[in-house]
Amino acid sequence: KDNALKLYSNLKKIKHQSNIVKFKNNNKILYAVNIGPYFYASEAKKNFLKIIKNKDYKDSYIIEYNFKNN
């Protein structure tokens, strides 16, 4: 959790909209830091390529989430 909070704080300082997601995996509580949302793949890729130039974020990756309309 501390690492997620630190990463979130660092991303906020460099003006990236982000949030922390808490989830459970194999009975362990884990925390992920998400940047976005991005509504276009091209926008996500462009920002991703900028972000991974920083060694602190070199292990970052893109995930796709489809929002469902009610």
C-alpha atoms as a PDB file:
ATOM      1  CA  LYS A   1       0.000   0.000   0.000  1.00  0.00           C
ATOM      2  CA  ASP A   2       2.860   2.388   0.839  1.00  0.00           C
ATOM      3  CA  ASN A   3       4.432   1.852  -2.582  1.00  0.00           C
ATOM      4  CA  ALA A   4       1.122   2.570  -4.296  1.00  0.00           C
ATOM      5  CA  LEU A   5       0.666   5.780  -2.301  1.00  0.00           C
ATOM      6  CA  LYS A   6       4.200   6.908  -3.150  1.00  0.00           C
ATOM      7  CA  LEU A   7       3.708   6.185  -6.856  1.00  0.00           C
ATOM      8  CA  TYR A   8       0.331   7.949  -6.837  1.00  0.00           C
ATOM      9  CA  SER A   9       1.900  11.011  -5.207  1.00  0.00           C
ATOM     10  CA  ASN A  10       4.776  11.087  -7.720  1.00  0.00           C
ATOM     11  CA  LEU A  11       2.390  10.819 -10.677  1.00  0.00           C
ATOM     12  CA  LYS A  12       0.254  13.622  -9.289  1.00  0.00           C
ATOM     13  CA  LYS A  13       3.343  15.859  -9.062  1.00  0.00           C
ATOM     14  CA  ILE A  14       3.992  15.382 -12.792  1.00  0.00           C
ATOM     15  CA  LYS A  15       0.327  16.105 -13.602  1.00  0.00           C
ATOM     16  CA  HIS A  16      -0.967  12.604 -14.397  1.00  0.00           C
ATOM     17  CA  GLN A  17      -4.530  11.856 -13.382  1.00  0.00           C
ATOM     18  CA  SER A  18      -4.318   8.590 -11.475  1.00  0.00           C
ATOM     19  CA  ASN A  19      -6.041   6.483  -8.860  1.00  0.00           C
ATOM     20  CA  ILE A  20      -5.299   3.548  -6.591  1.00  0.00           C
ATOM     21  CA  VAL A  21      -7.211   0.306  -7.032  1.00  0.00           C
ATOM     22  CA  LYS A  22      -7.367  -2.221  -4.193  1.00  0.00           C
ATOM     23  CA  PHE A  23      -7.994  -5.850  -5.106  1.00  0.00           C
ATOM     24  CA  LYS A  24      -7.619  -9.348  -3.716  1.00  0.00           C
ATOM     25  CA  ASN A  25      -5.528 -12.066  -5.376  1.00  0.00           C
ATOM     26  CA  ASN A  26      -4.948 -15.480  -3.771  1.00  0.00           C
ATOM     27  CA  ASN A  27      -6.221 -14.098  -0.456  1.00  0.00           C
ATOM     28  CA  LYS A  28      -3.689 -11.247  -0.550  1.00  0.00           C
ATOM     29  CA  ILE A  29      -4.669  -7.584  -0.678  1.00  0.00           C
ATOM     30  CA  LEU A  30      -2.833  -5.831  -3.521  1.00  0.00           C
ATOM     31  CA  TYR A  31      -2.802  -2.243  -4.738  1.00  0.00           C
ATOM     32  CA  ALA A  32      -2.408  -1.015  -8.309  1.00  0.00           C
ATOM     33  CA  VAL A  33      -1.976   2.534  -9.539  1.00  0.00           C
ATOM     34  CA  ASN A  34      -3.878   3.414 -12.696  1.00  0.00           C
ATOM     35  CA  ILE A  35      -3.328   6.432 -14.921  1.00  0.00           C
ATOM     36  CA  GLY A  36      -6.165   7.734 -17.015  1.00  0.00           C
ATOM     37  CA  PRO A  37      -8.781   7.151 -18.142  1.00  0.00           C
ATOM     38  CA  TYR A  38      -7.953   7.458 -21.797  1.00  0.00           C
ATOM     39  CA  PHE A  39     -10.765   7.188 -24.281  1.00  0.00           C
ATOM     40  CA  TYR A  40      -8.612   6.569 -27.343  1.00  0.00           C
ATOM     41  CA  ALA A  41      -5.925   3.916 -27.755  1.00  0.00           C
ATOM     42  CA  SER A  42      -3.671   6.413 -29.522  1.00  0.00           C
ATOM     43  CA  GLU A  43      -3.829   8.776 -26.529  1.00  0.00           C
ATOM     44  CA  ALA A  44      -3.008   5.958 -24.079  1.00  0.00           C
ATOM     45  CA  LYS A  45      -0.096   4.751 -26.201  1.00  0.00           C
ATOM     46  CA  LYS A  46       1.339   8.259 -26.591  1.00  0.00           C
ATOM     47  CA  ASN A  47       1.299   8.876 -22.847  1.00  0.00           C
ATOM     48  CA  PHE A  48       2.532   5.367 -22.087  1.00  0.00           C
ATOM     49  CA  LEU A  49       5.602   5.880 -24.278  1.00  0.00           C
ATOM     50  CA  LYS A  50       6.370   9.107 -22.406  1.00  0.00           C
ATOM     51  CA  ILE A  51       5.902   7.536 -18.992  1.00  0.00           C
ATOM     52  CA  ILE A  52       8.109   4.474 -19.533  1.00  0.00           C
ATOM     53  CA  LYS A  53      11.083   6.675 -20.426  1.00  0.00           C
ATOM     54  CA  ASN A  54      11.322   7.334 -16.681  1.00  0.00           C
ATOM     55  CA  LYS A  55      13.091   4.352 -15.045  1.00  0.00           C
ATOM     56  CA  ASP A  56      10.669   4.483 -12.110  1.00  0.00           C
ATOM     57  CA  TYR A  57       7.835   3.534 -14.462  1.00  0.00           C
ATOM     58  CA  LYS A  58       9.669   1.136 -16.821  1.00  0.00           C
ATOM     59  CA  ASP A  59       7.555  -1.827 -15.640  1.00  0.00           C
ATOM     60  CA  SER A  60       4.285  -0.093 -16.533  1.00  0.00           C
ATOM     61  CA  TYR A  61       1.821  -1.578 -18.974  1.00  0.00           C
ATOM     62  CA  ILE A  62      -1.493  -0.761 -20.647  1.00  0.00           C
ATOM     63  CA  ILE A  63      -4.734  -2.539 -19.784  1.00  0.00           C
ATOM     64  CA  GLU A  64      -8.007  -2.183 -21.628  1.00  0.00           C
ATOM     65  CA  TYR A  65     -11.270  -1.811 -19.782  1.00  0.00           C
ATOM     66  CA  ASN A  66     -14.601  -1.754 -21.590  1.00  0.00           C
ATOM     67  CA  PHE A  67     -17.321   0.264 -19.935  1.00  0.00           C
ATOM     68  CA  LYS A  68     -20.803  -1.178 -20.388  1.00  0.00           C
ATOM     69  CA  ASN A  69     -23.809   1.048 -21.014  1.00  0.00           C
ATOM     70  CA  ASN A  70     -26.871   0.303 -18.918  1.00  0.00           C
END
